[in-house]
Amino acid sequence: LATKSGLMVGLGETREEIEAVLDDLR
């Protein structure tokens, strides 16, 4: 089954934190 997730930016996050979330999802 294909799994999917979504994120918002603009709430005070950093690029490094977003990259860490991408790693968690993978």
PDB file of all heavy atoms in Angstrom:
ATOM      1  N   LEU A   1       0.830  -1.201   0.000  1.00  0.00           N
ATOM      2  CA  LEU A   1       0.000   0.000   0.000  1.00  0.00           C
ATOM      3  C   LEU A   1       0.869   1.257   0.000  1.00  0.00           C
ATOM      4  O   LEU A   1       1.829   1.360   0.771  1.00  0.00           O
ATOM      5  CB  LEU A   1      -0.897  -0.006   1.239  1.00  0.00           C
ATOM      6  CG  LEU A   1      -1.840   1.192   1.431  1.00  0.00           C
ATOM      7  CD1 LEU A   1      -2.879   1.268   0.317  1.00  0.00           C
ATOM      8  CD2 LEU A   1      -2.536   1.102   2.794  1.00  0.00           C
ATOM      9  N   ALA A   2       0.536   2.216  -0.848  1.00  0.00           N
ATOM     10  CA  ALA A   2       1.254   3.491  -0.867  1.00  0.00           C
ATOM     11  C   ALA A   2       0.851   4.318   0.343  1.00  0.00           C
ATOM     12  O   ALA A   2      -0.342   4.524   0.601  1.00  0.00           O
ATOM     13  CB  ALA A   2       0.938   4.256  -2.149  1.00  0.00           C
ATOM     14  N   THR A   3       1.834   4.783   1.103  1.00  0.00           N
ATOM     15  CA  THR A   3       1.567   5.641   2.255  1.00  0.00           C
ATOM     16  C   THR A   3       2.073   7.050   1.970  1.00  0.00           C
ATOM     17  O   THR A   3       3.017   7.251   1.211  1.00  0.00           O
ATOM     18  CB  THR A   3       2.208   5.089   3.537  1.00  0.00           C
ATOM     19  OG1 THR A   3       3.599   4.841   3.313  1.00  0.00           O
ATOM     20  CG2 THR A   3       1.517   3.806   3.973  1.00  0.00           C
ATOM     21  N   LYS A   4       1.439   8.006   2.620  1.00  0.00           N
ATOM     22  CA  LYS A   4       1.648   9.416   2.274  1.00  0.00           C
ATOM     23  C   LYS A   4       1.486  10.263   3.522  1.00  0.00           C
ATOM     24  O   LYS A   4       0.722   9.918   4.438  1.00  0.00           O
ATOM     25  CB  LYS A   4       0.603   9.807   1.206  1.00  0.00           C
ATOM     26  CG  LYS A   4       0.616  11.233   0.720  1.00  0.00           C
ATOM     27  CD  LYS A   4      -0.474  11.394  -0.351  1.00  0.00           C
ATOM     28  CE  LYS A   4      -0.600  12.806  -0.857  1.00  0.00           C
ATOM     29  NZ  LYS A   4      -1.692  12.940  -1.856  1.00  0.00           N
ATOM     30  N   SER A   5       2.190  11.395   3.577  1.00  0.00           N
ATOM     31  CA  SER A   5       2.024  12.334   4.678  1.00  0.00           C
ATOM     32  C   SER A   5       2.225  13.753   4.161  1.00  0.00           C
ATOM     33  O   SER A   5       2.720  13.964   3.048  1.00  0.00           O
ATOM     34  CB  SER A   5       3.006  12.035   5.811  1.00  0.00           C
ATOM     35  OG  SER A   5       2.652  12.748   6.983  1.00  0.00           O
ATOM     36  N   GLY A   6       1.815  14.730   4.969  1.00  0.00           N
ATOM     37  CA  GLY A   6       1.915  16.124   4.560  1.00  0.00           C
ATOM     38  C   GLY A   6       2.403  17.016   5.690  1.00  0.00           C
ATOM     39  O   GLY A   6       2.166  16.740   6.871  1.00  0.00           O
ATOM     40  N   LEU A   7       3.106  18.081   5.304  1.00  0.00           N
ATOM     41  CA  LEU A   7       3.641  19.054   6.248  1.00  0.00           C
ATOM     42  C   LEU A   7       3.266  20.457   5.827  1.00  0.00           C
ATOM     43  O   LEU A   7       3.071  20.738   4.643  1.00  0.00           O
ATOM     44  CB  LEU A   7       5.170  18.957   6.304  1.00  0.00           C
ATOM     45  CG  LEU A   7       5.801  17.624   6.680  1.00  0.00           C
ATOM     46  CD1 LEU A   7       7.304  17.697   6.465  1.00  0.00           C
ATOM     47  CD2 LEU A   7       5.473  17.286   8.119  1.00  0.00           C
ATOM     48  N   MET A   8       3.199  21.368   6.820  1.00  0.00           N
ATOM     49  CA  MET A   8       3.064  22.792   6.585  1.00  0.00           C
ATOM     50  C   MET A   8       4.367  23.457   6.979  1.00  0.00           C
ATOM     51  O   MET A   8       5.031  23.014   7.917  1.00  0.00           O
ATOM     52  CB  MET A   8       1.957  23.409   7.448  1.00  0.00           C
ATOM     53  CG  MET A   8       0.598  22.794   7.315  1.00  0.00           C
ATOM     54  SD  MET A   8      -0.543  23.496   8.550  1.00  0.00           S
ATOM     55  CE  MET A   8       0.144  22.809  10.078  1.00  0.00           C
ATOM     56  N   VAL A   9       4.722  24.541   6.293  1.00  0.00           N
ATOM     57  CA  VAL A   9       5.838  25.371   6.744  1.00  0.00           C
ATOM     58  C   VAL A   9       5.329  26.793   6.930  1.00  0.00           C
ATOM     59  O   VAL A   9       4.277  27.174   6.410  1.00  0.00           O
ATOM     60  CB  VAL A   9       7.023  25.352   5.748  1.00  0.00           C
ATOM     61  CG1 VAL A   9       7.632  23.966   5.668  1.00  0.00           C
ATOM     62  CG2 VAL A   9       6.593  25.839   4.358  1.00  0.00           C
ATOM     63  N   GLY A  10       6.084  27.563   7.700  1.00  0.00           N
ATOM     64  CA  GLY A  10       5.686  28.934   7.974  1.00  0.00           C
ATOM     65  C   GLY A  10       5.270  29.157   9.408  1.00  0.00           C
ATOM     66  O   GLY A  10       4.746  30.214   9.757  1.00  0.00           O
ATOM     67  N   LEU A  11       5.516  28.156  10.277  1.00  0.00           N
ATOM     68  CA  LEU A  11       5.103  28.241  11.680  1.00  0.00           C
ATOM     69  C   LEU A  11       6.291  28.369  12.631  1.00  0.00           C
ATOM     70  O   LEU A  11       6.142  28.213  13.831  1.00  0.00           O
ATOM     71  CB  LEU A  11       4.258  27.012  12.048  1.00  0.00           C
ATOM     72  CG  LEU A  11       2.862  26.986  11.411  1.00  0.00           C
ATOM     73  CD1 LEU A  11       2.240  25.599  11.537  1.00  0.00           C
ATOM     74  CD2 LEU A  11       1.962  28.028  12.064  1.00  0.00           C
ATOM     75  N   GLY A  12       7.475  28.624  12.070  1.00  0.00           N
ATOM     76  CA  GLY A  12       8.640  28.816  12.916  1.00  0.00           C
ATOM     77  C   GLY A  12       9.654  27.704  12.850  1.00  0.00           C
ATOM     78  O   GLY A  12      10.606  27.682  13.638  1.00  0.00           O
ATOM     79  N   GLU A  13       9.473  26.779  11.917  1.00  0.00           N
ATOM     80  CA  GLU A  13      10.391  25.654  11.766  1.00  0.00           C
ATOM     81  C   GLU A  13      11.666  26.079  11.025  1.00  0.00           C
ATOM     82  O   GLU A  13      11.704  27.123  10.375  1.00  0.00           O
ATOM     83  CB  GLU A  13       9.711  24.521  10.985  1.00  0.00           C
ATOM     84  CG  GLU A  13       9.391  24.865   9.528  1.00  0.00           C
ATOM     85  CD  GLU A  13       8.316  25.897   9.368  1.00  0.00           C
ATOM     86  OE1 GLU A  13       7.280  25.810  10.043  1.00  0.00           O
ATOM     87  OE2 GLU A  13       8.508  26.829   8.545  1.00  0.00           O
ATOM     88  N   THR A  14      12.701  25.280  11.147  1.00  0.00           N
ATOM     89  CA  THR A  14      13.924  25.493  10.378  1.00  0.00           C
ATOM     90  C   THR A  14      14.015  24.420   9.289  1.00  0.00           C
ATOM     91  O   THR A  14      13.359  23.368   9.364  1.00  0.00           O
ATOM     92  CB  THR A  14      15.179  25.394  11.259  1.00  0.00           C
ATOM     93  OG1 THR A  14      15.313  24.039  11.728  1.00  0.00           O
ATOM     94  CG2 THR A  14      15.079  26.344  12.447  1.00  0.00           C
ATOM     95  N   ARG A  15      14.853  24.688   8.303  1.00  0.00           N
ATOM     96  CA  ARG A  15      15.037  23.709   7.231  1.00  0.00           C
ATOM     97  C   ARG A  15      15.609  22.410   7.792  1.00  0.00           C
ATOM     98  O   ARG A  15      15.238  21.312   7.348  1.00  0.00           O
ATOM     99  CB  ARG A  15      15.960  24.276   6.154  1.00  0.00           C
ATOM    100  CG  ARG A  15      16.062  23.413   4.887  1.00  0.00           C
ATOM    101  CD  ARG A  15      17.037  24.032   3.901  1.00  0.00           C
ATOM    102  NE  ARG A  15      17.059  23.323   2.640  1.00  0.00           N
ATOM    103  CZ  ARG A  15      17.713  22.186   2.423  1.00  0.00           C
ATOM    104  NH1 ARG A  15      18.384  21.632   3.413  1.00  0.00           N
ATOM    105  NH2 ARG A  15      17.703  21.612   1.229  1.00  0.00           N
ATOM    106  N   GLU A  16      16.491  22.516   8.754  1.00  0.00           N
ATOM    107  CA  GLU A  16      17.094  21.326   9.354  1.00  0.00           C
ATOM    108  C   GLU A  16      16.040  20.478  10.063  1.00  0.00           C
ATOM    109  O   GLU A  16      16.089  19.243  10.015  1.00  0.00           O
ATOM    110  CB  GLU A  16      18.204  21.731  10.331  1.00  0.00           C
ATOM    111  CG  GLU A  16      19.438  22.335   9.685  1.00  0.00           C
ATOM    112  CD  GLU A  16      19.219  23.755   9.161  1.00  0.00           C
ATOM    113  OE1 GLU A  16      18.288  24.444   9.670  1.00  0.00           O
ATOM    114  OE2 GLU A  16      19.968  24.169   8.248  1.00  0.00           O
ATOM    115  N   GLU A  17      15.094  21.144  10.721  1.00  0.00           N
ATOM    116  CA  GLU A  17      14.025  20.399  11.393  1.00  0.00           C
ATOM    117  C   GLU A  17      13.118  19.707  10.384  1.00  0.00           C
ATOM    118  O   GLU A  17      12.673  18.571  10.613  1.00  0.00           O
ATOM    119  CB  GLU A  17      13.217  21.351  12.276  1.00  0.00           C
ATOM    120  CG  GLU A  17      13.953  21.777  13.546  1.00  0.00           C
ATOM    121  CD  GLU A  17      13.178  22.815  14.335  1.00  0.00           C
ATOM    122  OE1 GLU A  17      12.647  23.774  13.725  1.00  0.00           O
ATOM    123  OE2 GLU A  17      13.097  22.673  15.571  1.00  0.00           O
ATOM    124  N   ILE A  18      12.828  20.367   9.269  1.00  0.00           N
ATOM    125  CA  ILE A  18      12.028  19.740   8.221  1.00  0.00           C
ATOM    126  C   ILE A  18      12.758  18.521   7.663  1.00  0.00           C
ATOM    127  O   ILE A  18      12.159  17.459   7.432  1.00  0.00           O
ATOM    128  CB  ILE A  18      11.714  20.745   7.095  1.00  0.00           C
ATOM    129  CG1 ILE A  18      10.751  21.823   7.597  1.00  0.00           C
ATOM    130  CG2 ILE A  18      11.130  20.026   5.874  1.00  0.00           C
ATOM    131  CD1 ILE A  18       9.365  21.315   7.945  1.00  0.00           C
ATOM    132  N   GLU A  19      14.071  18.659   7.461  1.00  0.00           N
ATOM    133  CA  GLU A  19      14.843  17.525   6.949  1.00  0.00           C
ATOM    134  C   GLU A  19      14.783  16.345   7.922  1.00  0.00           C
ATOM    135  O   GLU A  19      14.679  15.186   7.510  1.00  0.00           O
ATOM    136  CB  GLU A  19      16.289  17.931   6.697  1.00  0.00           C
ATOM    137  CG  GLU A  19      17.123  16.805   6.111  1.00  0.00           C
ATOM    138  CD  GLU A  19      18.487  17.246   5.622  1.00  0.00           C
ATOM    139  OE1 GLU A  19      18.813  18.444   5.737  1.00  0.00           O
ATOM    140  OE2 GLU A  19      19.229  16.377   5.121  1.00  0.00           O
ATOM    141  N   ALA A  20      14.816  16.624   9.217  1.00  0.00           N
ATOM    142  CA  ALA A  20      14.727  15.547  10.210  1.00  0.00           C
ATOM    143  C   ALA A  20      13.371  14.842  10.145  1.00  0.00           C
ATOM    144  O   ALA A  20      13.288  13.618  10.304  1.00  0.00           O
ATOM    145  CB  ALA A  20      14.964  16.108  11.616  1.00  0.00           C
ATOM    146  N   VAL A  21      12.302  15.599   9.892  1.00  0.00           N
ATOM    147  CA  VAL A  21      10.975  14.994   9.745  1.00  0.00           C
ATOM    148  C   VAL A  21      10.928  14.106   8.502  1.00  0.00           C
ATOM    149  O   VAL A  21      10.356  13.003   8.526  1.00  0.00           O
ATOM    150  CB  VAL A  21       9.877  16.077   9.688  1.00  0.00           C
ATOM    151  CG1 VAL A  21       8.521  15.453   9.353  1.00  0.00           C
ATOM    152  CG2 VAL A  21       9.791  16.818  11.022  1.00  0.00           C
ATOM    153  N   LEU A  22      11.522  14.567   7.418  1.00  0.00           N
ATOM    154  CA  LEU A  22      11.585  13.738   6.206  1.00  0.00           C
ATOM    155  C   LEU A  22      12.298  12.425   6.490  1.00  0.00           C
ATOM    156  O   LEU A  22      11.868  11.354   6.034  1.00  0.00           O
ATOM    157  CB  LEU A  22      12.293  14.495   5.082  1.00  0.00           C
ATOM    158  CG  LEU A  22      11.610  15.767   4.563  1.00  0.00           C
ATOM    159  CD1 LEU A  22      12.466  16.407   3.462  1.00  0.00           C
ATOM    160  CD2 LEU A  22      10.208  15.491   4.044  1.00  0.00           C
ATOM    161  N   ASP A  23      13.369  12.484   7.274  1.00  0.00           N
ATOM    162  CA  ASP A  23      14.080  11.262   7.640  1.00  0.00           C
ATOM    163  C   ASP A  23      13.195  10.346   8.482  1.00  0.00           C
ATOM    164  O   ASP A  23      13.182   9.118   8.280  1.00  0.00           O
ATOM    165  CB  ASP A  23      15.353  11.602   8.418  1.00  0.00           C
ATOM    166  CG  ASP A  23      16.433  12.222   7.547  1.00  0.00           C
ATOM    167  OD1 ASP A  23      16.421  11.996   6.324  1.00  0.00           O
ATOM    168  OD2 ASP A  23      17.278  12.963   8.096  1.00  0.00           O
ATOM    169  N   ASP A  24      12.455  10.923   9.416  1.00  0.00           N
ATOM    170  CA  ASP A  24      11.540  10.114  10.242  1.00  0.00           C
ATOM    171  C   ASP A  24      10.500   9.417   9.370  1.00  0.00           C
ATOM    172  O   ASP A  24      10.157   8.247   9.600  1.00  0.00           O
ATOM    173  CB  ASP A  24      10.836  10.994  11.277  1.00  0.00           C
ATOM    174  CG  ASP A  24      11.746  11.436  12.412  1.00  0.00           C
ATOM    175  OD1 ASP A  24      12.814  10.821  12.594  1.00  0.00           O
ATOM    176  OD2 ASP A  24      11.378  12.397  13.110  1.00  0.00           O
ATOM    177  N   LEU A  25       9.981  10.116   8.378  1.00  0.00           N
ATOM    178  CA  LEU A  25       8.979   9.523   7.490  1.00  0.00           C
ATOM    179  C   LEU A  25       9.573   8.399   6.650  1.00  0.00           C
ATOM    180  O   LEU A  25       8.941   7.363   6.443  1.00  0.00           O
ATOM    181  CB  LEU A  25       8.377  10.602   6.589  1.00  0.00           C
ATOM    182  CG  LEU A  25       7.388  11.544   7.278  1.00  0.00           C
ATOM    183  CD1 LEU A  25       7.065  12.740   6.380  1.00  0.00           C
ATOM    184  CD2 LEU A  25       6.098  10.806   7.646  1.00  0.00           C
ATOM    185  N   ARG A  26      10.768   8.589   6.169  1.00  0.00           N
ATOM    186  CA  ARG A  26      11.399   7.515   5.390  1.00  0.00           C
ATOM    187  C   ARG A  26      11.699   6.311   6.285  1.00  0.00           C
ATOM    188  O   ARG A  26      11.652   5.161   5.819  1.00  0.00           O
ATOM    189  CB  ARG A  26      12.687   8.013   4.732  1.00  0.00           C
ATOM    190  CG  ARG A  26      12.473   8.959   3.577  1.00  0.00           C
ATOM    191  CD  ARG A  26      11.630   8.325   2.442  1.00  0.00           C
ATOM    192  NE  ARG A  26      12.284   7.145   1.921  1.00  0.00           N
ATOM    193  CZ  ARG A  26      11.664   5.986   1.704  1.00  0.00           C
ATOM    194  NH1 ARG A  26      10.365   5.845   1.974  1.00  0.00           N
ATOM    195  NH2 ARG A  26      12.335   4.950   1.222  1.00  0.00           N
TER     196      ARG A  26
END
